[in-house]
């Protein structure tokens, strides 16, 4: 049985919008037409792709599996269209960006907006693992992350290196120092991001390598919460040097005796790197990093 393209397209639109109404508006068709296309697809195979409760819909397990496939299908369609269009000027389009820090991506986005004023952007912030997951499941077109990956499905460009630094409350006993050895963390309370954060993974790995055991670990869900907890005296925080903002309530500390360098990478699905929007993003962030390096000389 030949599968219905219109049925797949209708299903994908509804799954992406999480709404029949939103999908109908996005595709500029009536909701009854869209509903009929999805129902025809379900009836043809005797399956249920959505659970419908009033106006709420939710993908069934089978629907979730199909959504992964249709995401690849329509991403390939976009790539084919872009390839055939050649080097058409980026006059319009929407780029979905995921990043593990707004600090790492916002300046590059501003530069891209200057080059291509007709584009629109959406930005989601998460930890490094979440950001890579969004690229893998096609929820984002490109990403900026500190997580290096050797996955052949990903195209990765190293942009620059940063390092982790510690910071404490201005009332903390270590606040009188400008730098501390890694051994100073022994028996100390530490405030870190949730698991999946490259900051946490890197720092815990370095503590383990040095054979250092801290006292208590407070886990929080955002960089802002780490700063607030450290300022309130809950322990020593760790962050990227570029992300630390001077604050009279906080003292930044260089950590000596350990390599805390971490790379920053632009990432996309390998098969999507030639799409003009994605290619334009990679070219722009590379130009930005090159300009920053030249200014630093």
C-alpha atoms as a PDB file:
ATOM      1  CA  UNK A   1       0.000   0.000   0.000  1.00  0.00           C
ATOM      2  CA  UNK A   2       1.418   3.394  -1.015  1.00  0.00           C
ATOM      3  CA  UNK A   3       1.543   5.697   1.973  1.00  0.00           C
ATOM      4  CA  UNK A   4      -0.258   9.032   1.649  1.00  0.00           C
ATOM      5  CA  UNK A   5       2.141  11.969   1.483  1.00  0.00           C
ATOM      6  CA  UNK A   6      -0.635  14.408   2.376  1.00  0.00           C
ATOM      7  CA  UNK A   7      -1.508  12.238   5.368  1.00  0.00           C
ATOM      8  CA  UNK A   8       2.082  12.210   6.579  1.00  0.00           C
ATOM      9  CA  UNK A   9       2.368  15.969   6.052  1.00  0.00           C
ATOM     10  CA  UNK A  10      -0.850  16.556   7.979  1.00  0.00           C
ATOM     11  CA  UNK A  11       0.271  14.264  10.802  1.00  0.00           C
ATOM     12  CA  UNK A  12       3.674  15.971  11.016  1.00  0.00           C
ATOM     13  CA  UNK A  13       2.110  19.440  11.116  1.00  0.00           C
ATOM     14  CA  UNK A  14      -0.230  18.474  13.957  1.00  0.00           C
ATOM     15  CA  UNK A  15       2.538  16.720  15.906  1.00  0.00           C
ATOM     16  CA  UNK A  16       4.828  19.728  15.502  1.00  0.00           C
ATOM     17  CA  UNK A  17       2.164  22.267  16.485  1.00  0.00           C
ATOM     18  CA  UNK A  18       0.709  19.976  19.189  1.00  0.00           C
ATOM     19  CA  UNK A  19      -2.666  21.205  17.979  1.00  0.00           C
ATOM     20  CA  UNK A  20      -5.007  20.622  15.053  1.00  0.00           C
ATOM     21  CA  UNK A  21      -6.000  24.290  15.125  1.00  0.00           C
ATOM     22  CA  UNK A  22      -2.417  25.546  15.129  1.00  0.00           C
ATOM     23  CA  UNK A  23      -1.405  23.102  12.387  1.00  0.00           C
ATOM     24  CA  UNK A  24      -4.351  24.144  10.217  1.00  0.00           C
ATOM     25  CA  UNK A  25      -3.375  27.814  10.520  1.00  0.00           C
ATOM     26  CA  UNK A  26       0.271  27.038   9.754  1.00  0.00           C
ATOM     27  CA  UNK A  27      -0.668  25.040   6.638  1.00  0.00           C
ATOM     28  CA  UNK A  28      -3.406  27.494   5.630  1.00  0.00           C
ATOM     29  CA  UNK A  29      -6.063  24.777   5.391  1.00  0.00           C
ATOM     30  CA  UNK A  30      -9.301  24.208   7.267  1.00  0.00           C
ATOM     31  CA  UNK A  31      -9.178  22.203  10.464  1.00  0.00           C
ATOM     32  CA  UNK A  32     -11.769  19.658   9.179  1.00  0.00           C
ATOM     33  CA  UNK A  33      -9.583  19.040   6.104  1.00  0.00           C
ATOM     34  CA  UNK A  34      -6.498  18.475   8.242  1.00  0.00           C
ATOM     35  CA  UNK A  35      -8.379  16.239  10.673  1.00  0.00           C
ATOM     36  CA  UNK A  36      -9.735  14.175   7.773  1.00  0.00           C
ATOM     37  CA  UNK A  37      -6.236  13.685   6.335  1.00  0.00           C
ATOM     38  CA  UNK A  38      -4.902  12.426   9.678  1.00  0.00           C
ATOM     39  CA  UNK A  39      -7.953  10.210  10.216  1.00  0.00           C
ATOM     40  CA  UNK A  40      -7.553   8.710   6.725  1.00  0.00           C
ATOM     41  CA  UNK A  41      -3.928   7.850   7.520  1.00  0.00           C
ATOM     42  CA  UNK A  42      -4.921   6.229  10.812  1.00  0.00           C
ATOM     43  CA  UNK A  43      -7.803   4.296   9.231  1.00  0.00           C
ATOM     44  CA  UNK A  44      -5.646   3.055   6.334  1.00  0.00           C
ATOM     45  CA  UNK A  45      -3.349   1.237   8.784  1.00  0.00           C
ATOM     46  CA  UNK A  46      -5.782   0.618  11.603  1.00  0.00           C
ATOM     47  CA  UNK A  47      -3.726   2.638  14.086  1.00  0.00           C
ATOM     48  CA  UNK A  48      -4.133   5.564  16.479  1.00  0.00           C
ATOM     49  CA  UNK A  49      -1.494   8.300  16.236  1.00  0.00           C
ATOM     50  CA  UNK A  50      -3.010  10.816  18.659  1.00  0.00           C
ATOM     51  CA  UNK A  51      -4.913  10.529  21.900  1.00  0.00           C
ATOM     52  CA  UNK A  52      -7.643  13.174  21.839  1.00  0.00           C
ATOM     53  CA  UNK A  53      -9.106  14.467  25.112  1.00  0.00           C
ATOM     54  CA  UNK A  54     -11.380  17.412  24.400  1.00  0.00           C
ATOM     55  CA  UNK A  55      -9.231  20.005  22.657  1.00  0.00           C
ATOM     56  CA  UNK A  56      -6.025  18.484  23.999  1.00  0.00           C
ATOM     57  CA  UNK A  57      -4.017  16.030  21.908  1.00  0.00           C
ATOM     58  CA  UNK A  58      -1.062  13.836  22.758  1.00  0.00           C
ATOM     59  CA  UNK A  59       1.039  11.585  20.575  1.00  0.00           C
ATOM     60  CA  UNK A  60       0.607   7.882  21.188  1.00  0.00           C
ATOM     61  CA  UNK A  61       3.823   5.813  21.484  1.00  0.00           C
ATOM     62  CA  UNK A  62       3.376   4.854  17.802  1.00  0.00           C
ATOM     63  CA  UNK A  63       2.796   8.499  16.943  1.00  0.00           C
ATOM     64  CA  UNK A  64       6.010   9.483  18.738  1.00  0.00           C
ATOM     65  CA  UNK A  65       7.965   6.943  16.689  1.00  0.00           C
ATOM     66  CA  UNK A  66       6.372   8.165  13.452  1.00  0.00           C
ATOM     67  CA  UNK A  67       7.128  11.786  14.360  1.00  0.00           C
ATOM     68  CA  UNK A  68      10.860  10.961  14.545  1.00  0.00           C
ATOM     69  CA  UNK A  69      10.637   9.552  11.004  1.00  0.00           C
ATOM     70  CA  UNK A  70       8.596  12.425   9.554  1.00  0.00           C
ATOM     71  CA  UNK A  71      11.006  14.930  11.115  1.00  0.00           C
ATOM     72  CA  UNK A  72      13.796  13.310   9.089  1.00  0.00           C
ATOM     73  CA  UNK A  73      11.589  13.110   6.002  1.00  0.00           C
ATOM     74  CA  UNK A  74      10.629  16.779   5.934  1.00  0.00           C
ATOM     75  CA  UNK A  75      14.114  17.891   6.984  1.00  0.00           C
ATOM     76  CA  UNK A  76      15.432  16.039   3.917  1.00  0.00           C
ATOM     77  CA  UNK A  77      12.757  17.733   1.816  1.00  0.00           C
ATOM     78  CA  UNK A  78      13.882  21.137   3.093  1.00  0.00           C
ATOM     79  CA  UNK A  79      17.489  20.238   2.332  1.00  0.00           C
ATOM     80  CA  UNK A  80      16.625  19.140  -1.219  1.00  0.00           C
ATOM     81  CA  UNK A  81      14.705  22.347  -1.840  1.00  0.00           C
ATOM     82  CA  UNK A  82      17.573  24.451  -0.483  1.00  0.00           C
ATOM     83  CA  UNK A  83      20.142  22.517  -2.522  1.00  0.00           C
ATOM     84  CA  UNK A  84      18.164  23.054  -5.725  1.00  0.00           C
ATOM     85  CA  UNK A  85      17.734  26.724  -4.891  1.00  0.00           C
ATOM     86  CA  UNK A  86      21.537  27.033  -4.826  1.00  0.00           C
ATOM     87  CA  UNK A  87      23.028  30.126  -3.215  1.00  0.00           C
ATOM     88  CA  UNK A  88      19.813  32.116  -3.035  1.00  0.00           C
ATOM     89  CA  UNK A  89      20.123  35.162  -0.790  1.00  0.00           C
ATOM     90  CA  UNK A  90      18.836  34.658   2.740  1.00  0.00           C
ATOM     91  CA  UNK A  91      16.075  37.220   2.521  1.00  0.00           C
ATOM     92  CA  UNK A  92      13.647  35.391   4.761  1.00  0.00           C
ATOM     93  CA  UNK A  93      13.396  32.288   6.892  1.00  0.00           C
ATOM     94  CA  UNK A  94      13.268  31.128  10.496  1.00  0.00           C
ATOM     95  CA  UNK A  95      16.267  29.619  12.285  1.00  0.00           C
ATOM     96  CA  UNK A  96      15.828  27.557  15.464  1.00  0.00           C
ATOM     97  CA  UNK A  97      18.858  27.763  17.752  1.00  0.00           C
ATOM     98  CA  UNK A  98      19.595  25.786  20.915  1.00  0.00           C
ATOM     99  CA  UNK A  99      22.373  26.843  23.271  1.00  0.00           C
ATOM    100  CA  UNK A 100      23.689  25.900  26.677  1.00  0.00           C
ATOM    101  CA  UNK A 101      24.300  29.572  27.437  1.00  0.00           C
ATOM    102  CA  UNK A 102      22.871  32.799  26.066  1.00  0.00           C
ATOM    103  CA  UNK A 103      26.321  34.317  26.593  1.00  0.00           C
ATOM    104  CA  UNK A 104      27.798  31.949  24.035  1.00  0.00           C
ATOM    105  CA  UNK A 105      25.335  32.684  21.245  1.00  0.00           C
ATOM    106  CA  UNK A 106      23.676  36.103  21.549  1.00  0.00           C
ATOM    107  CA  UNK A 107      26.479  38.203  20.052  1.00  0.00           C
ATOM    108  CA  UNK A 108      26.751  35.867  17.053  1.00  0.00           C
ATOM    109  CA  UNK A 109      22.981  36.024  16.537  1.00  0.00           C
ATOM    110  CA  UNK A 110      23.107  39.814  16.586  1.00  0.00           C
ATOM    111  CA  UNK A 111      25.750  39.706  13.848  1.00  0.00           C
ATOM    112  CA  UNK A 112      23.605  37.322  11.777  1.00  0.00           C
ATOM    113  CA  UNK A 113      20.588  39.590  12.186  1.00  0.00           C
ATOM    114  CA  UNK A 114      22.639  42.496  10.842  1.00  0.00           C
ATOM    115  CA  UNK A 115      23.678  40.461   7.783  1.00  0.00           C
ATOM    116  CA  UNK A 116      20.225  38.993   7.119  1.00  0.00           C
ATOM    117  CA  UNK A 117      17.557  41.386   8.487  1.00  0.00           C
ATOM    118  CA  UNK A 118      14.752  39.359   6.904  1.00  0.00           C
ATOM    119  CA  UNK A 119      15.379  36.312   9.101  1.00  0.00           C
ATOM    120  CA  UNK A 120      13.604  35.476  12.338  1.00  0.00           C
ATOM    121  CA  UNK A 121      15.035  33.423  15.189  1.00  0.00           C
ATOM    122  CA  UNK A 122      13.940  31.332  18.145  1.00  0.00           C
ATOM    123  CA  UNK A 123      16.379  30.458  20.927  1.00  0.00           C
ATOM    124  CA  UNK A 124      16.034  27.784  23.586  1.00  0.00           C
ATOM    125  CA  UNK A 125      18.455  27.466  26.500  1.00  0.00           C
ATOM    126  CA  UNK A 126      19.205  24.154  28.209  1.00  0.00           C
ATOM    127  CA  UNK A 127      22.096  22.141  29.554  1.00  0.00           C
ATOM    128  CA  UNK A 128      24.627  20.654  27.138  1.00  0.00           C
ATOM    129  CA  UNK A 129      22.901  17.269  26.907  1.00  0.00           C
ATOM    130  CA  UNK A 130      19.508  18.846  26.194  1.00  0.00           C
ATOM    131  CA  UNK A 131      20.998  21.048  23.489  1.00  0.00           C
ATOM    132  CA  UNK A 132      22.542  18.110  21.623  1.00  0.00           C
ATOM    133  CA  UNK A 133      19.286  16.156  21.989  1.00  0.00           C
ATOM    134  CA  UNK A 134      17.410  19.007  20.286  1.00  0.00           C
ATOM    135  CA  UNK A 135      19.737  18.774  17.293  1.00  0.00           C
ATOM    136  CA  UNK A 136      19.365  15.003  17.116  1.00  0.00           C
ATOM    137  CA  UNK A 137      15.563  15.044  17.202  1.00  0.00           C
ATOM    138  CA  UNK A 138      15.290  17.995  14.770  1.00  0.00           C
ATOM    139  CA  UNK A 139      13.832  20.342  17.404  1.00  0.00           C
ATOM    140  CA  UNK A 140      16.624  22.815  16.581  1.00  0.00           C
ATOM    141  CA  UNK A 141      18.471  23.609  13.364  1.00  0.00           C
ATOM    142  CA  UNK A 142      21.788  24.635  14.925  1.00  0.00           C
ATOM    143  CA  UNK A 143      23.319  24.776  18.380  1.00  0.00           C
ATOM    144  CA  UNK A 144      26.113  26.347  20.364  1.00  0.00           C
ATOM    145  CA  UNK A 145      27.377  24.041  23.090  1.00  0.00           C
ATOM    146  CA  UNK A 146      30.388  23.217  25.191  1.00  0.00           C
ATOM    147  CA  UNK A 147      29.831  19.502  24.617  1.00  0.00           C
ATOM    148  CA  UNK A 148      32.201  18.005  22.031  1.00  0.00           C
ATOM    149  CA  UNK A 149      30.806  15.038  20.137  1.00  0.00           C
ATOM    150  CA  UNK A 150      32.361  12.453  17.818  1.00  0.00           C
ATOM    151  CA  UNK A 151      28.931  11.315  16.594  1.00  0.00           C
ATOM    152  CA  UNK A 152      29.216  11.029  12.767  1.00  0.00           C
ATOM    153  CA  UNK A 153      25.620  12.261  12.446  1.00  0.00           C
ATOM    154  CA  UNK A 154      26.742  15.676  13.671  1.00  0.00           C
ATOM    155  CA  UNK A 155      28.741  18.383  11.933  1.00  0.00           C
ATOM    156  CA  UNK A 156      30.807  20.236  14.540  1.00  0.00           C
ATOM    157  CA  UNK A 157      32.920  23.385  14.290  1.00  0.00           C
ATOM    158  CA  UNK A 158      35.097  24.454  17.214  1.00  0.00           C
ATOM    159  CA  UNK A 159      34.702  28.163  17.780  1.00  0.00           C
ATOM    160  CA  UNK A 160      36.950  28.929  20.737  1.00  0.00           C
ATOM    161  CA  UNK A 161      38.040  27.791  24.188  1.00  0.00           C
ATOM    162  CA  UNK A 162      36.933  28.990  27.592  1.00  0.00           C
ATOM    163  CA  UNK A 163      37.819  27.839  31.091  1.00  0.00           C
ATOM    164  CA  UNK A 164      35.964  27.102  34.288  1.00  0.00           C
ATOM    165  CA  UNK A 165      36.466  29.389  37.263  1.00  0.00           C
ATOM    166  CA  UNK A 166      35.191  29.243  40.818  1.00  0.00           C
ATOM    167  CA  UNK A 167      33.351  31.965  42.682  1.00  0.00           C
ATOM    168  CA  UNK A 168      32.303  32.479  46.278  1.00  0.00           C
ATOM    169  CA  UNK A 169      30.264  34.832  48.389  1.00  0.00           C
ATOM    170  CA  UNK A 170      32.178  37.966  49.404  1.00  0.00           C
ATOM    171  CA  UNK A 171      31.737  36.721  52.989  1.00  0.00           C
ATOM    172  CA  UNK A 172      33.275  33.297  52.292  1.00  0.00           C
ATOM    173  CA  UNK A 173      36.662  32.517  53.938  1.00  0.00           C
ATOM    174  CA  UNK A 174      38.199  32.058  50.456  1.00  0.00           C
ATOM    175  CA  UNK A 175      37.037  35.486  49.249  1.00  0.00           C
ATOM    176  CA  UNK A 176      40.364  37.014  50.275  1.00  0.00           C
ATOM    177  CA  UNK A 177      42.163  35.087  47.515  1.00  0.00           C
ATOM    178  CA  UNK A 178      42.398  35.672  43.773  1.00  0.00           C
ATOM    179  CA  UNK A 179      43.193  32.040  43.044  1.00  0.00           C
ATOM    180  CA  UNK A 180      42.968  28.730  44.865  1.00  0.00           C
ATOM    181  CA  UNK A 181      44.454  25.283  44.199  1.00  0.00           C
ATOM    182  CA  UNK A 182      42.128  22.453  43.248  1.00  0.00           C
ATOM    183  CA  UNK A 183      42.922  20.906  46.665  1.00  0.00           C
ATOM    184  CA  UNK A 184      41.047  23.800  48.325  1.00  0.00           C
ATOM    185  CA  UNK A 185      37.760  22.151  47.365  1.00  0.00           C
ATOM    186  CA  UNK A 186      38.374  19.216  49.732  1.00  0.00           C
ATOM    187  CA  UNK A 187      35.711  19.273  52.425  1.00  0.00           C
ATOM    188  CA  UNK A 188      34.009  22.358  50.961  1.00  0.00           C
ATOM    189  CA  UNK A 189      30.343  22.762  50.040  1.00  0.00           C
ATOM    190  CA  UNK A 190      29.872  23.145  46.278  1.00  0.00           C
ATOM    191  CA  UNK A 191      26.980  24.521  44.198  1.00  0.00           C
ATOM    192  CA  UNK A 192      26.635  23.021  40.701  1.00  0.00           C
ATOM    193  CA  UNK A 193      24.159  22.687  37.845  1.00  0.00           C
ATOM    194  CA  UNK A 194      22.086  19.546  37.256  1.00  0.00           C
ATOM    195  CA  UNK A 195      23.502  16.426  35.617  1.00  0.00           C
ATOM    196  CA  UNK A 196      23.823  16.921  31.872  1.00  0.00           C
ATOM    197  CA  UNK A 197      25.624  20.227  32.379  1.00  0.00           C
ATOM    198  CA  UNK A 198      29.131  20.206  30.858  1.00  0.00           C
ATOM    199  CA  UNK A 199      30.256  22.538  33.670  1.00  0.00           C
ATOM    200  CA  UNK A 200      29.340  19.921  36.244  1.00  0.00           C
ATOM    201  CA  UNK A 201      30.667  16.964  34.260  1.00  0.00           C
ATOM    202  CA  UNK A 202      34.035  18.628  33.644  1.00  0.00           C
ATOM    203  CA  UNK A 203      34.529  19.869  37.180  1.00  0.00           C
ATOM    204  CA  UNK A 204      33.479  16.613  38.845  1.00  0.00           C
ATOM    205  CA  UNK A 205      35.852  14.734  36.538  1.00  0.00           C
ATOM    206  CA  UNK A 206      38.754  16.997  37.561  1.00  0.00           C
ATOM    207  CA  UNK A 207      37.943  16.588  41.259  1.00  0.00           C
ATOM    208  CA  UNK A 208      37.864  12.819  40.825  1.00  0.00           C
ATOM    209  CA  UNK A 209      41.180  12.790  38.949  1.00  0.00           C
ATOM    210  CA  UNK A 210      42.768  14.782  41.769  1.00  0.00           C
ATOM    211  CA  UNK A 211      41.264  12.471  44.401  1.00  0.00           C
ATOM    212  CA  UNK A 212      39.362  15.335  46.042  1.00  0.00           C
ATOM    213  CA  UNK A 213      36.083  14.823  47.886  1.00  0.00           C
ATOM    214  CA  UNK A 214      33.954  17.899  48.658  1.00  0.00           C
ATOM    215  CA  UNK A 215      31.587  18.061  51.632  1.00  0.00           C
ATOM    216  CA  UNK A 216      28.046  18.718  50.392  1.00  0.00           C
ATOM    217  CA  UNK A 217      26.772  19.286  46.854  1.00  0.00           C
ATOM    218  CA  UNK A 218      23.818  21.574  46.201  1.00  0.00           C
ATOM    219  CA  UNK A 219      22.296  20.887  42.779  1.00  0.00           C
ATOM    220  CA  UNK A 220      20.311  23.686  41.108  1.00  0.00           C
ATOM    221  CA  UNK A 221      18.663  24.006  37.704  1.00  0.00           C
ATOM    222  CA  UNK A 222      20.058  27.238  36.241  1.00  0.00           C
ATOM    223  CA  UNK A 223      23.116  29.501  36.204  1.00  0.00           C
ATOM    224  CA  UNK A 224      21.109  32.264  37.860  1.00  0.00           C
ATOM    225  CA  UNK A 225      20.168  29.902  40.693  1.00  0.00           C
ATOM    226  CA  UNK A 226      23.847  28.944  41.136  1.00  0.00           C
ATOM    227  CA  UNK A 227      24.759  32.626  41.549  1.00  0.00           C
ATOM    228  CA  UNK A 228      21.929  33.219  44.013  1.00  0.00           C
ATOM    229  CA  UNK A 229      22.850  30.147  46.086  1.00  0.00           C
ATOM    230  CA  UNK A 230      26.542  31.098  46.194  1.00  0.00           C
ATOM    231  CA  UNK A 231      25.722  34.708  47.129  1.00  0.00           C
ATOM    232  CA  UNK A 232      23.553  33.360  49.950  1.00  0.00           C
ATOM    233  CA  UNK A 233      26.527  31.393  51.295  1.00  0.00           C
ATOM    234  CA  UNK A 234      25.634  27.838  50.243  1.00  0.00           C
ATOM    235  CA  UNK A 235      29.148  27.077  48.976  1.00  0.00           C
ATOM    236  CA  UNK A 236      31.558  27.485  46.068  1.00  0.00           C
ATOM    237  CA  UNK A 237      30.133  27.873  42.575  1.00  0.00           C
ATOM    238  CA  UNK A 238      31.718  26.970  39.250  1.00  0.00           C
ATOM    239  CA  UNK A 239      31.012  28.645  35.911  1.00  0.00           C
ATOM    240  CA  UNK A 240      32.599  29.515  32.583  1.00  0.00           C
ATOM    241  CA  UNK A 241      34.921  32.501  32.821  1.00  0.00           C
ATOM    242  CA  UNK A 242      33.054  34.265  29.988  1.00  0.00           C
ATOM    243  CA  UNK A 243      29.770  33.854  31.872  1.00  0.00           C
ATOM    244  CA  UNK A 244      30.915  35.331  35.171  1.00  0.00           C
ATOM    245  CA  UNK A 245      29.533  38.822  35.739  1.00  0.00           C
ATOM    246  CA  UNK A 246      31.217  41.077  38.333  1.00  0.00           C
ATOM    247  CA  UNK A 247      29.060  41.468  41.423  1.00  0.00           C
ATOM    248  CA  UNK A 248      29.944  43.042  44.782  1.00  0.00           C
ATOM    249  CA  UNK A 249      28.351  40.012  46.458  1.00  0.00           C
ATOM    250  CA  UNK A 250      30.632  37.548  44.657  1.00  0.00           C
ATOM    251  CA  UNK A 251      34.375  36.937  44.287  1.00  0.00           C
ATOM    252  CA  UNK A 252      35.817  35.178  41.219  1.00  0.00           C
ATOM    253  CA  UNK A 253      38.649  32.688  41.831  1.00  0.00           C
ATOM    254  CA  UNK A 254      41.086  31.162  39.365  1.00  0.00           C
ATOM    255  CA  UNK A 255      41.597  27.448  40.081  1.00  0.00           C
ATOM    256  CA  UNK A 256      45.231  26.403  39.777  1.00  0.00           C
ATOM    257  CA  UNK A 257      46.856  23.003  39.423  1.00  0.00           C
ATOM    258  CA  UNK A 258      44.265  21.623  36.999  1.00  0.00           C
ATOM    259  CA  UNK A 259      43.272  22.005  33.347  1.00  0.00           C
ATOM    260  CA  UNK A 260      39.771  23.485  33.270  1.00  0.00           C
ATOM    261  CA  UNK A 261      39.741  24.485  29.595  1.00  0.00           C
ATOM    262  CA  UNK A 262      36.496  23.714  27.764  1.00  0.00           C
ATOM    263  CA  UNK A 263      35.764  24.190  24.061  1.00  0.00           C
ATOM    264  CA  UNK A 264      32.781  25.922  22.504  1.00  0.00           C
ATOM    265  CA  UNK A 265      31.257  24.371  19.389  1.00  0.00           C
ATOM    266  CA  UNK A 266      28.696  25.132  16.699  1.00  0.00           C
ATOM    267  CA  UNK A 267      26.722  21.978  15.863  1.00  0.00           C
ATOM    268  CA  UNK A 268      24.128  20.813  13.341  1.00  0.00           C
ATOM    269  CA  UNK A 269      22.925  17.566  11.797  1.00  0.00           C
ATOM    270  CA  UNK A 270      25.554  16.595   9.209  1.00  0.00           C
ATOM    271  CA  UNK A 271      22.979  16.142   6.459  1.00  0.00           C
ATOM    272  CA  UNK A 272      21.631  19.679   7.012  1.00  0.00           C
ATOM    273  CA  UNK A 273      24.864  21.647   6.878  1.00  0.00           C
ATOM    274  CA  UNK A 274      24.296  22.742   3.242  1.00  0.00           C
ATOM    275  CA  UNK A 275      20.878  24.285   3.918  1.00  0.00           C
ATOM    276  CA  UNK A 276      21.387  28.040   3.348  1.00  0.00           C
ATOM    277  CA  UNK A 277      20.064  29.021   6.802  1.00  0.00           C
ATOM    278  CA  UNK A 278      22.358  26.553   8.548  1.00  0.00           C
ATOM    279  CA  UNK A 279      25.330  27.337   6.329  1.00  0.00           C
ATOM    280  CA  UNK A 280      24.765  31.058   6.899  1.00  0.00           C
ATOM    281  CA  UNK A 281      24.783  30.532  10.654  1.00  0.00           C
ATOM    282  CA  UNK A 282      28.073  28.625  10.579  1.00  0.00           C
ATOM    283  CA  UNK A 283      29.679  31.262   8.355  1.00  0.00           C
ATOM    284  CA  UNK A 284      28.457  34.048  10.625  1.00  0.00           C
ATOM    285  CA  UNK A 285      29.640  32.544  13.909  1.00  0.00           C
ATOM    286  CA  UNK A 286      33.028  31.784  12.342  1.00  0.00           C
ATOM    287  CA  UNK A 287      33.314  35.414  11.156  1.00  0.00           C
ATOM    288  CA  UNK A 288      32.365  36.607  14.632  1.00  0.00           C
ATOM    289  CA  UNK A 289      34.952  34.432  16.369  1.00  0.00           C
ATOM    290  CA  UNK A 290      37.659  35.469  13.890  1.00  0.00           C
ATOM    291  CA  UNK A 291      36.861  39.146  14.460  1.00  0.00           C
ATOM    292  CA  UNK A 292      36.933  38.657  18.227  1.00  0.00           C
ATOM    293  CA  UNK A 293      40.329  36.928  18.002  1.00  0.00           C
ATOM    294  CA  UNK A 294      41.749  39.763  15.902  1.00  0.00           C
ATOM    295  CA  UNK A 295      40.510  42.385  18.377  1.00  0.00           C
ATOM    296  CA  UNK A 296      42.131  40.458  21.233  1.00  0.00           C
ATOM    297  CA  UNK A 297      45.592  40.609  19.620  1.00  0.00           C
END
